[in-house]
Amino acid sequence: APIIFGVLTTENEQQALDRAGGALGNKGAEAAEAAIKMADFTLSIEEQ
């Protein structure tokens, strides 16, 4: 199964806050979207 990497690795706390619903969006939301796309990708491969 696909594993989506939703781990922030930042230089400081502000960079993390900015990516957890702050100025630069939410990387958790992006991870969920990637999970949906990769689940769909898996299905498309299994049909081959």
All heavy atoms as atom14 arrays in JSON, in Angstrom:
{
  "sequence": "APIIFGVLTTENEQQALDRAGGALGNKGAEAAEAAIKMADFTLSIEEQ",
  "atom14_mask": [
    [1, 1, 1, 1, 1, 0, 0, 0, 0, 0, 0, 0, 0, 0],
    [1, 1, 1, 1, 1, 1, 1, 0, 0, 0, 0, 0, 0, 0],
    [1, 1, 1, 1, 1, 1, 1, 1, 0, 0, 0, 0, 0, 0],
    [1, 1, 1, 1, 1, 1, 1, 1, 0, 0, 0, 0, 0, 0],
    [1, 1, 1, 1, 1, 1, 1, 1, 1, 1, 1, 0, 0, 0],
    [1, 1, 1, 1, 0, 0, 0, 0, 0, 0, 0, 0, 0, 0],
    [1, 1, 1, 1, 1, 1, 1, 0, 0, 0, 0, 0, 0, 0],
    [1, 1, 1, 1, 1, 1, 1, 1, 0, 0, 0, 0, 0, 0],
    [1, 1, 1, 1, 1, 1, 1, 0, 0, 0, 0, 0, 0, 0],
    [1, 1, 1, 1, 1, 1, 1, 0, 0, 0, 0, 0, 0, 0],
    [1, 1, 1, 1, 1, 1, 1, 1, 1, 0, 0, 0, 0, 0],
    [1, 1, 1, 1, 1, 1, 1, 1, 0, 0, 0, 0, 0, 0],
    [1, 1, 1, 1, 1, 1, 1, 1, 1, 0, 0, 0, 0, 0],
    [1, 1, 1, 1, 1, 1, 1, 1, 1, 0, 0, 0, 0, 0],
    [1, 1, 1, 1, 1, 1, 1, 1, 1, 0, 0, 0, 0, 0],
    [1, 1, 1, 1, 1, 0, 0, 0, 0, 0, 0, 0, 0, 0],
    [1, 1, 1, 1, 1, 1, 1, 1, 0, 0, 0, 0, 0, 0],
    [1, 1, 1, 1, 1, 1, 1, 1, 0, 0, 0, 0, 0, 0],
    [1, 1, 1, 1, 1, 1, 1, 1, 1, 1, 1, 0, 0, 0],
    [1, 1, 1, 1, 1, 0, 0, 0, 0, 0, 0, 0, 0, 0],
    [1, 1, 1, 1, 0, 0, 0, 0, 0, 0, 0, 0, 0, 0],
    [1, 1, 1, 1, 0, 0, 0, 0, 0, 0, 0, 0, 0, 0],
    [1, 1, 1, 1, 1, 0, 0, 0, 0, 0, 0, 0, 0, 0],
    [1, 1, 1, 1, 1, 1, 1, 1, 0, 0, 0, 0, 0, 0],
    [1, 1, 1, 1, 0, 0, 0, 0, 0, 0, 0, 0, 0, 0],
    [1, 1, 1, 1, 1, 1, 1, 1, 0, 0, 0, 0, 0, 0],
    [1, 1, 1, 1, 1, 1, 1, 1, 1, 0, 0, 0, 0, 0],
    [1, 1, 1, 1, 0, 0, 0, 0, 0, 0, 0, 0, 0, 0],
    [1, 1, 1, 1, 1, 0, 0, 0, 0, 0, 0, 0, 0, 0],
    [1, 1, 1, 1, 1, 1, 1, 1, 1, 0, 0, 0, 0, 0],
    [1, 1, 1, 1, 1, 0, 0, 0, 0, 0, 0, 0, 0, 0],
    [1, 1, 1, 1, 1, 0, 0, 0, 0, 0, 0, 0, 0, 0],
    [1, 1, 1, 1, 1, 1, 1, 1, 1, 0, 0, 0, 0, 0],
    [1, 1, 1, 1, 1, 0, 0, 0, 0, 0, 0, 0, 0, 0],
    [1, 1, 1, 1, 1, 0, 0, 0, 0, 0, 0, 0, 0, 0],
    [1, 1, 1, 1, 1, 1, 1, 1, 0, 0, 0, 0, 0, 0],
    [1, 1, 1, 1, 1, 1, 1, 1, 1, 0, 0, 0, 0, 0],
    [1, 1, 1, 1, 1, 1, 1, 1, 0, 0, 0, 0, 0, 0],
    [1, 1, 1, 1, 1, 0, 0, 0, 0, 0, 0, 0, 0, 0],
    [1, 1, 1, 1, 1, 1, 1, 1, 0, 0, 0, 0, 0, 0],
    [1, 1, 1, 1, 1, 1, 1, 1, 1, 1, 1, 0, 0, 0],
    [1, 1, 1, 1, 1, 1, 1, 0, 0, 0, 0, 0, 0, 0],
    [1, 1, 1, 1, 1, 1, 1, 1, 0, 0, 0, 0, 0, 0],
    [1, 1, 1, 1, 1, 1, 0, 0, 0, 0, 0, 0, 0, 0],
    [1, 1, 1, 1, 1, 1, 1, 1, 0, 0, 0, 0, 0, 0],
    [1, 1, 1, 1, 1, 1, 1, 1, 1, 0, 0, 0, 0, 0],
    [1, 1, 1, 1, 1, 1, 1, 1, 1, 0, 0, 0, 0, 0],
    [1, 1, 1, 1, 1, 1, 1, 1, 1, 0, 0, 0, 0, 0]
  ],
  "atom14_positions": [
    [[0.86, -1.18, 0.0], [0.0, 0.0, 0.0], [0.9, 1.23, 0.0], [1.99, 1.2, 0.56], [-0.91, 0.01, 1.22], [0.0, 0.0, 0.0], [0.0, 0.0, 0.0], [0.0, 0.0, 0.0], [0.0, 0.0, 0.0], [0.0, 0.0, 0.0], [0.0, 0.0, 0.0], [0.0, 0.0, 0.0], [0.0, 0.0, 0.0], [0.0, 0.0, 0.0]],
    [[0.46, 2.31, -0.63], [1.28, 3.53, -0.63], [1.36, 4.14, 0.77], [0.37, 4.17, 1.5], [0.55, 4.46, -1.6], [-0.84, 3.94, -1.67], [-0.76, 2.47, -1.43], [0.0, 0.0, 0.0], [0.0, 0.0, 0.0], [0.0, 0.0, 0.0], [0.0, 0.0, 0.0], [0.0, 0.0, 0.0], [0.0, 0.0, 0.0], [0.0, 0.0, 0.0]],
    [[2.54, 4.63, 1.12], [2.74, 5.33, 2.39], [3.07, 6.78, 2.06], [4.04, 7.06, 1.36], [3.87, 4.71, 3.22], [3.58, 3.22, 3.49], [4.04, 5.46, 4.54], [4.71, 2.5, 4.18], [0.0, 0.0, 0.0], [0.0, 0.0, 0.0], [0.0, 0.0, 0.0], [0.0, 0.0, 0.0], [0.0, 0.0, 0.0], [0.0, 0.0, 0.0]],
    [[2.26, 7.69, 2.56], [2.42, 9.11, 2.27], [3.2, 9.76, 3.4], [2.83, 9.63, 4.57], [1.06, 9.8, 2.09], [0.19, 9.02, 1.1], [1.26, 11.24, 1.64], [0.81, 8.81, -0.25], [0.0, 0.0, 0.0], [0.0, 0.0, 0.0], [0.0, 0.0, 0.0], [0.0, 0.0, 0.0], [0.0, 0.0, 0.0], [0.0, 0.0, 0.0]],
    [[4.24, 10.48, 3.05], [5.15, 11.07, 4.03], [4.66, 12.46, 4.42], [4.82, 13.42, 3.68], [6.55, 11.15, 3.42], [7.65, 11.38, 4.42], [8.11, 10.34, 5.21], [8.23, 12.62, 4.56], [9.14, 10.55, 6.12], [9.25, 12.85, 5.46], [9.71, 11.8, 6.24], [0.0, 0.0, 0.0], [0.0, 0.0, 0.0], [0.0, 0.0, 0.0]],
    [[4.04, 12.53, 5.59], [3.52, 13.8, 6.09], [4.31, 14.3, 7.29], [3.72, 14.79, 8.27], [0.0, 0.0, 0.0], [0.0, 0.0, 0.0], [0.0, 0.0, 0.0], [0.0, 0.0, 0.0], [0.0, 0.0, 0.0], [0.0, 0.0, 0.0], [0.0, 0.0, 0.0], [0.0, 0.0, 0.0], [0.0, 0.0, 0.0], [0.0, 0.0, 0.0]],
    [[5.63, 14.16, 7.22], [6.5, 14.57, 8.32], [7.15, 15.9, 7.99], [7.84, 16.03, 6.97], [7.58, 13.52, 8.6], [8.5, 13.98, 9.72], [6.94, 12.18, 8.95], [0.0, 0.0, 0.0], [0.0, 0.0, 0.0], [0.0, 0.0, 0.0], [0.0, 0.0, 0.0], [0.0, 0.0, 0.0], [0.0, 0.0, 0.0], [0.0, 0.0, 0.0]],
    [[6.93, 16.91, 8.83], [7.61, 18.2, 8.67], [8.99, 18.13, 9.27], [9.17, 17.64, 10.39], [6.81, 19.31, 9.35], [5.43, 19.64, 8.79], [4.81, 20.79, 9.59], [5.49, 19.98, 7.32], [0.0, 0.0, 0.0], [0.0, 0.0, 0.0], [0.0, 0.0, 0.0], [0.0, 0.0, 0.0], [0.0, 0.0, 0.0], [0.0, 0.0, 0.0]],
    [[9.99, 18.62, 8.55], [11.35, 18.72, 9.07], [11.78, 20.17, 8.86], [12.13, 20.57, 7.75], [12.29, 17.76, 8.31], [12.23, 18.02, 6.91], [11.89, 16.31, 8.56], [0.0, 0.0, 0.0], [0.0, 0.0, 0.0], [0.0, 0.0, 0.0], [0.0, 0.0, 0.0], [0.0, 0.0, 0.0], [0.0, 0.0, 0.0], [0.0, 0.0, 0.0]],
    [[11.74, 20.95, 9.93], [11.92, 22.4, 9.8], [13.07, 22.92, 10.66], [13.51, 22.26, 11.61], [10.63, 23.14, 10.18], [10.33, 22.88, 11.57], [9.45, 22.66, 9.33], [0.0, 0.0, 0.0], [0.0, 0.0, 0.0], [0.0, 0.0, 0.0], [0.0, 0.0, 0.0], [0.0, 0.0, 0.0], [0.0, 0.0, 0.0], [0.0, 0.0, 0.0]],
    [[13.5, 24.1, 10.32], [14.59, 24.73, 11.05], [14.11, 25.35, 12.36], [14.89, 25.49, 13.31], [15.24, 25.83, 10.19], [15.97, 25.31, 8.96], [17.2, 24.51, 9.34], [17.88, 24.89, 10.33], [17.5, 23.53, 8.65], [0.0, 0.0, 0.0], [0.0, 0.0, 0.0], [0.0, 0.0, 0.0], [0.0, 0.0, 0.0], [0.0, 0.0, 0.0]],
    [[12.86, 25.73, 12.43], [12.32, 26.35, 13.64], [10.81, 26.11, 13.73], [10.19, 25.61, 12.78], [12.63, 27.86, 13.66], [12.18, 28.56, 12.39], [10.99, 28.56, 12.06], [13.12, 29.16, 11.66], [0.0, 0.0, 0.0], [0.0, 0.0, 0.0], [0.0, 0.0, 0.0], [0.0, 0.0, 0.0], [0.0, 0.0, 0.0], [0.0, 0.0, 0.0]],
    [[10.24, 26.49, 14.86], [8.82, 26.23, 15.1], [7.93, 27.03, 14.15], [6.9, 26.54, 13.7], [8.46, 26.57, 16.55], [7.01, 26.25, 16.89], [6.68, 26.62, 18.32], [7.23, 27.63, 18.81], [5.87, 25.91, 18.94], [0.0, 0.0, 0.0], [0.0, 0.0, 0.0], [0.0, 0.0, 0.0], [0.0, 0.0, 0.0], [0.0, 0.0, 0.0]],
    [[8.32, 28.25, 13.82], [7.49, 29.08, 12.95], [7.32, 28.44, 11.57], [6.23, 28.49, 10.99], [8.1, 30.47, 12.81], [7.18, 31.45, 12.08], [5.84, 31.64, 12.77], [5.78, 31.88, 13.97], [4.76, 31.5, 12.01], [0.0, 0.0, 0.0], [0.0, 0.0, 0.0], [0.0, 0.0, 0.0], [0.0, 0.0, 0.0], [0.0, 0.0, 0.0]],
    [[8.38, 27.85, 11.06], [8.27, 27.17, 9.77], [7.25, 26.04, 9.83], [6.5, 25.81, 8.88], [9.63, 26.63, 9.33], [10.62, 27.69, 8.91], [11.94, 27.11, 8.46], [12.21, 25.91, 8.64], [12.8, 27.93, 7.87], [0.0, 0.0, 0.0], [0.0, 0.0, 0.0], [0.0, 0.0, 0.0], [0.0, 0.0, 0.0], [0.0, 0.0, 0.0]],
    [[7.22, 25.34, 10.96], [6.26, 24.26, 11.14], [4.84, 24.8, 11.23], [3.91, 24.27, 10.6], [6.61, 23.45, 12.38], [0.0, 0.0, 0.0], [0.0, 0.0, 0.0], [0.0, 0.0, 0.0], [0.0, 0.0, 0.0], [0.0, 0.0, 0.0], [0.0, 0.0, 0.0], [0.0, 0.0, 0.0], [0.0, 0.0, 0.0], [0.0, 0.0, 0.0]],
    [[4.65, 25.86, 12.0], [3.32, 26.46, 12.12], [2.8, 26.94, 10.78], [1.61, 26.8, 10.46], [3.38, 27.62, 13.11], [3.6, 27.27, 14.59], [3.91, 28.52, 15.39], [2.38, 26.55, 15.16], [0.0, 0.0, 0.0], [0.0, 0.0, 0.0], [0.0, 0.0, 0.0], [0.0, 0.0, 0.0], [0.0, 0.0, 0.0], [0.0, 0.0, 0.0]],
    [[3.69, 27.51, 9.99], [3.29, 28.01, 8.67], [2.77, 26.9, 7.77], [1.97, 27.16, 6.87], [4.47, 28.7, 7.98], [4.81, 30.04, 8.61], [3.96, 30.6, 9.35], [5.94, 30.54, 8.36], [0.0, 0.0, 0.0], [0.0, 0.0, 0.0], [0.0, 0.0, 0.0], [0.0, 0.0, 0.0], [0.0, 0.0, 0.0], [0.0, 0.0, 0.0]],
    [[3.21, 25.67, 8.02], [2.85, 24.53, 7.17], [1.81, 23.63, 7.81], [1.51, 22.56, 7.27], [4.12, 23.73, 6.84], [5.07, 24.49, 5.93], [6.48, 23.96, 5.97], [7.35, 24.67, 5.0], [7.85, 25.88, 5.19], [7.63, 26.53, 6.33], [8.6, 26.45, 4.26], [0.0, 0.0, 0.0], [0.0, 0.0, 0.0], [0.0, 0.0, 0.0]],
    [[1.29, 24.04, 8.95], [0.28, 23.24, 9.67], [-1.01, 24.03, 9.82], [-1.63, 24.08, 10.89], [0.82, 22.83, 11.03], [0.0, 0.0, 0.0], [0.0, 0.0, 0.0], [0.0, 0.0, 0.0], [0.0, 0.0, 0.0], [0.0, 0.0, 0.0], [0.0, 0.0, 0.0], [0.0, 0.0, 0.0], [0.0, 0.0, 0.0], [0.0, 0.0, 0.0]],
    [[-1.41, 24.7, 8.74], [-2.62, 25.51, 8.77], [-2.34, 26.99, 8.79], [-3.25, 27.8, 8.92], [0.0, 0.0, 0.0], [0.0, 0.0, 0.0], [0.0, 0.0, 0.0], [0.0, 0.0, 0.0], [0.0, 0.0, 0.0], [0.0, 0.0, 0.0], [0.0, 0.0, 0.0], [0.0, 0.0, 0.0], [0.0, 0.0, 0.0], [0.0, 0.0, 0.0]],
    [[-1.06, 27.35, 8.67], [-0.68, 28.76, 8.69], [-0.54, 29.35, 7.31], [-1.27, 28.99, 6.37], [0.0, 0.0, 0.0], [0.0, 0.0, 0.0], [0.0, 0.0, 0.0], [0.0, 0.0, 0.0], [0.0, 0.0, 0.0], [0.0, 0.0, 0.0], [0.0, 0.0, 0.0], [0.0, 0.0, 0.0], [0.0, 0.0, 0.0], [0.0, 0.0, 0.0]],
    [[0.43, 30.23, 7.14], [0.58, 31.0, 5.91], [0.84, 30.14, 4.68], [0.49, 30.53, 3.56], [1.72, 32.01, 6.08], [0.0, 0.0, 0.0], [0.0, 0.0, 0.0], [0.0, 0.0, 0.0], [0.0, 0.0, 0.0], [0.0, 0.0, 0.0], [0.0, 0.0, 0.0], [0.0, 0.0, 0.0], [0.0, 0.0, 0.0], [0.0, 0.0, 0.0]],
    [[1.44, 28.97, 4.86], [1.8, 28.13, 3.73], [0.9, 26.9, 3.58], [1.27, 25.91, 2.94], [3.27, 27.69, 3.85], [4.28, 28.85, 3.83], [5.7, 28.34, 4.0], [4.15, 29.64, 2.53], [0.0, 0.0, 0.0], [0.0, 0.0, 0.0], [0.0, 0.0, 0.0], [0.0, 0.0, 0.0], [0.0, 0.0, 0.0], [0.0, 0.0, 0.0]],
    [[-0.28, 26.97, 4.18], [-1.24, 25.88, 4.02], [-1.1, 24.8, 5.07], [-0.54, 25.02, 6.15], [0.0, 0.0, 0.0], [0.0, 0.0, 0.0], [0.0, 0.0, 0.0], [0.0, 0.0, 0.0], [0.0, 0.0, 0.0], [0.0, 0.0, 0.0], [0.0, 0.0, 0.0], [0.0, 0.0, 0.0], [0.0, 0.0, 0.0], [0.0, 0.0, 0.0]],
    [[-1.6, 23.64, 4.74], [-1.58, 22.52, 5.69], [-1.05, 21.28, 4.97], [-1.7, 20.74, 4.06], [-2.98, 22.27, 6.24], [-2.98, 21.3, 7.42], [-2.45, 20.2, 7.31], [-3.57, 21.71, 8.53], [0.0, 0.0, 0.0], [0.0, 0.0, 0.0], [0.0, 0.0, 0.0], [0.0, 0.0, 0.0], [0.0, 0.0, 0.0], [0.0, 0.0, 0.0]],
    [[0.13, 20.84, 5.36], [0.75, 19.69, 4.72], [0.01, 18.39, 5.04], [0.14, 17.41, 4.3], [2.22, 19.58, 5.14], [3.08, 20.77, 4.69], [3.05, 20.95, 3.19], [3.91, 22.13, 2.75], [3.87, 22.36, 1.29], [0.0, 0.0, 0.0], [0.0, 0.0, 0.0], [0.0, 0.0, 0.0], [0.0, 0.0, 0.0], [0.0, 0.0, 0.0]],
    [[-0.75, 18.38, 6.12], [-1.57, 17.21, 6.41], [-2.67, 17.06, 5.37], [-2.98, 15.94, 4.93], [0.0, 0.0, 0.0], [0.0, 0.0, 0.0], [0.0, 0.0, 0.0], [0.0, 0.0, 0.0], [0.0, 0.0, 0.0], [0.0, 0.0, 0.0], [0.0, 0.0, 0.0], [0.0, 0.0, 0.0], [0.0, 0.0, 0.0], [0.0, 0.0, 0.0]],
    [[-3.27, 18.19, 4.98], [-4.29, 18.17, 3.93], [-3.68, 17.69, 2.62], [-4.29, 16.89, 1.89], [-4.9, 19.55, 3.77], [0.0, 0.0, 0.0], [0.0, 0.0, 0.0], [0.0, 0.0, 0.0], [0.0, 0.0, 0.0], [0.0, 0.0, 0.0], [0.0, 0.0, 0.0], [0.0, 0.0, 0.0], [0.0, 0.0, 0.0], [0.0, 0.0, 0.0]],
    [[-2.48, 18.17, 2.31], [-1.81, 17.74, 1.08], [-1.51, 16.24, 1.11], [-1.59, 15.56, 0.09], [-0.53, 18.53, 0.88], [-0.76, 20.02, 0.6], [0.53, 20.8, 0.43], [1.6, 20.16, 0.25], [0.48, 22.04, 0.49], [0.0, 0.0, 0.0], [0.0, 0.0, 0.0], [0.0, 0.0, 0.0], [0.0, 0.0, 0.0], [0.0, 0.0, 0.0]],
    [[-1.16, 15.73, 2.29], [-0.89, 14.3, 2.42], [-2.15, 13.48, 2.16], [-2.09, 12.42, 1.52], [-0.33, 14.0, 3.82], [0.0, 0.0, 0.0], [0.0, 0.0, 0.0], [0.0, 0.0, 0.0], [0.0, 0.0, 0.0], [0.0, 0.0, 0.0], [0.0, 0.0, 0.0], [0.0, 0.0, 0.0], [0.0, 0.0, 0.0], [0.0, 0.0, 0.0]],
    [[-3.29, 13.94, 2.65], [-4.55, 13.24, 2.41], [-4.89, 13.22, 0.93], [-5.35, 12.21, 0.4], [-5.67, 13.89, 3.22], [0.0, 0.0, 0.0], [0.0, 0.0, 0.0], [0.0, 0.0, 0.0], [0.0, 0.0, 0.0], [0.0, 0.0, 0.0], [0.0, 0.0, 0.0], [0.0, 0.0, 0.0], [0.0, 0.0, 0.0], [0.0, 0.0, 0.0]],
    [[-4.69, 14.34, 0.26], [-4.95, 14.38, -1.18], [-4.03, 13.42, -1.92], [-4.45, 12.73, -2.86], [-4.78, 15.81, -1.69], [-5.85, 16.77, -1.16], [-5.68, 18.19, -1.68], [-4.63, 18.46, -2.33], [-6.57, 19.02, -1.44], [0.0, 0.0, 0.0], [0.0, 0.0, 0.0], [0.0, 0.0, 0.0], [0.0, 0.0, 0.0], [0.0, 0.0, 0.0]],
    [[-2.77, 13.37, -1.5], [-1.83, 12.44, -2.12], [-2.25, 10.99, -1.87], [-2.11, 10.13, -2.75], [-0.42, 12.68, -1.58], [0.0, 0.0, 0.0], [0.0, 0.0, 0.0], [0.0, 0.0, 0.0], [0.0, 0.0, 0.0], [0.0, 0.0, 0.0], [0.0, 0.0, 0.0], [0.0, 0.0, 0.0], [0.0, 0.0, 0.0], [0.0, 0.0, 0.0]],
    [[-2.77, 10.72, -0.66], [-3.22, 9.36, -0.34], [-4.36, 8.93, -1.25], [-4.4, 7.79, -1.74], [-3.65, 9.29, 1.12], [0.0, 0.0, 0.0], [0.0, 0.0, 0.0], [0.0, 0.0, 0.0], [0.0, 0.0, 0.0], [0.0, 0.0, 0.0], [0.0, 0.0, 0.0], [0.0, 0.0, 0.0], [0.0, 0.0, 0.0], [0.0, 0.0, 0.0]],
    [[-5.29, 9.83, -1.51], [-6.41, 9.53, -2.39], [-5.92, 9.26, -3.81], [-6.33, 8.3, -4.47], [-7.43, 10.68, -2.38], [-8.08, 10.79, -1.0], [-8.5, 10.48, -3.45], [-8.91, 12.05, -0.8], [0.0, 0.0, 0.0], [0.0, 0.0, 0.0], [0.0, 0.0, 0.0], [0.0, 0.0, 0.0], [0.0, 0.0, 0.0], [0.0, 0.0, 0.0]],
    [[-5.01, 10.1, -4.27], [-4.48, 9.93, -5.63], [-3.69, 8.63, -5.77], [-3.79, 7.94, -6.79], [-3.6, 11.12, -5.99], [-4.36, 12.42, -6.17], [-3.42, 13.58, -6.48], [-4.18, 14.89, -6.65], [-3.26, 16.04, -6.92], [0.0, 0.0, 0.0], [0.0, 0.0, 0.0], [0.0, 0.0, 0.0], [0.0, 0.0, 0.0], [0.0, 0.0, 0.0]],
    [[-2.92, 8.29, -4.74], [-2.13, 7.07, -4.82], [-3.0, 5.82, -4.68], [-2.69, 4.77, -5.26], [-1.03, 7.08, -3.75], [0.09, 8.07, -4.05], [0.84, 7.8, -5.68], [1.51, 6.16, -5.46], [0.0, 0.0, 0.0], [0.0, 0.0, 0.0], [0.0, 0.0, 0.0], [0.0, 0.0, 0.0], [0.0, 0.0, 0.0], [0.0, 0.0, 0.0]],
    [[-4.08, 5.91, -3.9], [-5.02, 4.79, -3.83], [-5.65, 4.54, -5.19], [-5.82, 3.41, -5.63], [-6.09, 5.07, -2.78], [0.0, 0.0, 0.0], [0.0, 0.0, 0.0], [0.0, 0.0, 0.0], [0.0, 0.0, 0.0], [0.0, 0.0, 0.0], [0.0, 0.0, 0.0], [0.0, 0.0, 0.0], [0.0, 0.0, 0.0], [0.0, 0.0, 0.0]],
    [[-5.99, 5.63, -5.88], [-6.53, 5.52, -7.23], [-5.49, 4.96, -8.19], [-5.81, 4.13, -9.05], [-7.0, 6.9, -7.7], [-7.58, 6.87, -9.1], [-8.65, 6.24, -9.28], [-6.98, 7.46, -10.01], [0.0, 0.0, 0.0], [0.0, 0.0, 0.0], [0.0, 0.0, 0.0], [0.0, 0.0, 0.0], [0.0, 0.0, 0.0], [0.0, 0.0, 0.0]],
    [[-4.24, 5.39, -8.04], [-3.16, 4.87, -8.87], [-3.02, 3.36, -8.69], [-2.87, 2.62, -9.67], [-1.85, 5.56, -8.5], [-0.63, 4.94, -9.13], [-0.27, 5.26, -10.43], [0.15, 4.03, -8.42], [0.85, 4.68, -11.02], [1.25, 3.45, -9.0], [1.61, 3.77, -10.3], [0.0, 0.0, 0.0], [0.0, 0.0, 0.0], [0.0, 0.0, 0.0]],
    [[-3.08, 2.91, -7.43], [-2.97, 1.48, -7.15], [-4.06, 0.69, -7.86], [-3.81, -0.36, -8.45], [-3.04, 1.23, -5.64], [-1.97, 1.92, -4.99], [-2.92, -0.26, -5.32], [0.0, 0.0, 0.0], [0.0, 0.0, 0.0], [0.0, 0.0, 0.0], [0.0, 0.0, 0.0], [0.0, 0.0, 0.0], [0.0, 0.0, 0.0], [0.0, 0.0, 0.0]],
    [[-5.28, 1.21, -7.82], [-6.39, 0.54, -8.5], [-6.15, 0.47, -10.0], [-6.44, -0.54, -10.63], [-7.69, 1.28, -8.21], [-8.23, 1.19, -6.79], [-9.46, 2.06, -6.63], [-8.56, -0.25, -6.43], [0.0, 0.0, 0.0], [0.0, 0.0, 0.0], [0.0, 0.0, 0.0], [0.0, 0.0, 0.0], [0.0, 0.0, 0.0], [0.0, 0.0, 0.0]],
    [[-5.64, 1.55, -10.56], [-5.42, 1.57, -12.0], [-4.36, 0.55, -12.41], [-4.44, -0.04, -13.49], [-5.01, 2.98, -12.46], [-3.71, 3.31, -12.01], [0.0, 0.0, 0.0], [0.0, 0.0, 0.0], [0.0, 0.0, 0.0], [0.0, 0.0, 0.0], [0.0, 0.0, 0.0], [0.0, 0.0, 0.0], [0.0, 0.0, 0.0], [0.0, 0.0, 0.0]],
    [[-3.36, 0.34, -11.55], [-2.32, -0.65, -11.83], [-2.87, -2.05, -11.68], [-2.57, -2.96, -12.47], [-1.11, -0.45, -10.9], [-0.43, 0.89, -11.21], [-0.11, -1.59, -11.04], [0.11, 1.02, -12.61], [0.0, 0.0, 0.0], [0.0, 0.0, 0.0], [0.0, 0.0, 0.0], [0.0, 0.0, 0.0], [0.0, 0.0, 0.0], [0.0, 0.0, 0.0]],
    [[-3.7, -2.27, -10.66], [-4.24, -3.61, -10.41], [-5.2, -4.05, -11.51], [-5.47, -5.24, -11.67], [-4.94, -3.64, -9.05], [-3.95, -3.57, -7.9], [-4.63, -3.5, -6.54], [-5.85, -3.27, -6.52], [-3.92, -3.65, -5.53], [0.0, 0.0, 0.0], [0.0, 0.0, 0.0], [0.0, 0.0, 0.0], [0.0, 0.0, 0.0], [0.0, 0.0, 0.0]],
    [[-5.71, -3.11, -12.27], [-6.59, -3.45, -13.38], [-5.81, -3.91, -14.61], [-6.39, -4.43, -15.56], [-7.45, -2.23, -13.75], [-8.48, -1.87, -12.68], [-9.14, -0.53, -12.95], [-8.74, 0.14, -13.94], [-10.06, -0.15, -12.19], [0.0, 0.0, 0.0], [0.0, 0.0, 0.0], [0.0, 0.0, 0.0], [0.0, 0.0, 0.0], [0.0, 0.0, 0.0]],
    [[-4.49, -3.74, -14.57], [-3.65, -4.13, -15.7], [-3.14, -5.56, -15.51], [-3.05, -6.05, -14.39], [-2.46, -3.17, -15.82], [-2.85, -1.71, -15.96], [-3.74, -1.47, -17.15], [-3.47, -1.97, -18.23], [-4.81, -0.7, -16.95], [0.0, 0.0, 0.0], [0.0, 0.0, 0.0], [0.0, 0.0, 0.0], [0.0, 0.0, 0.0], [0.0, 0.0, 0.0]]
  ]
}
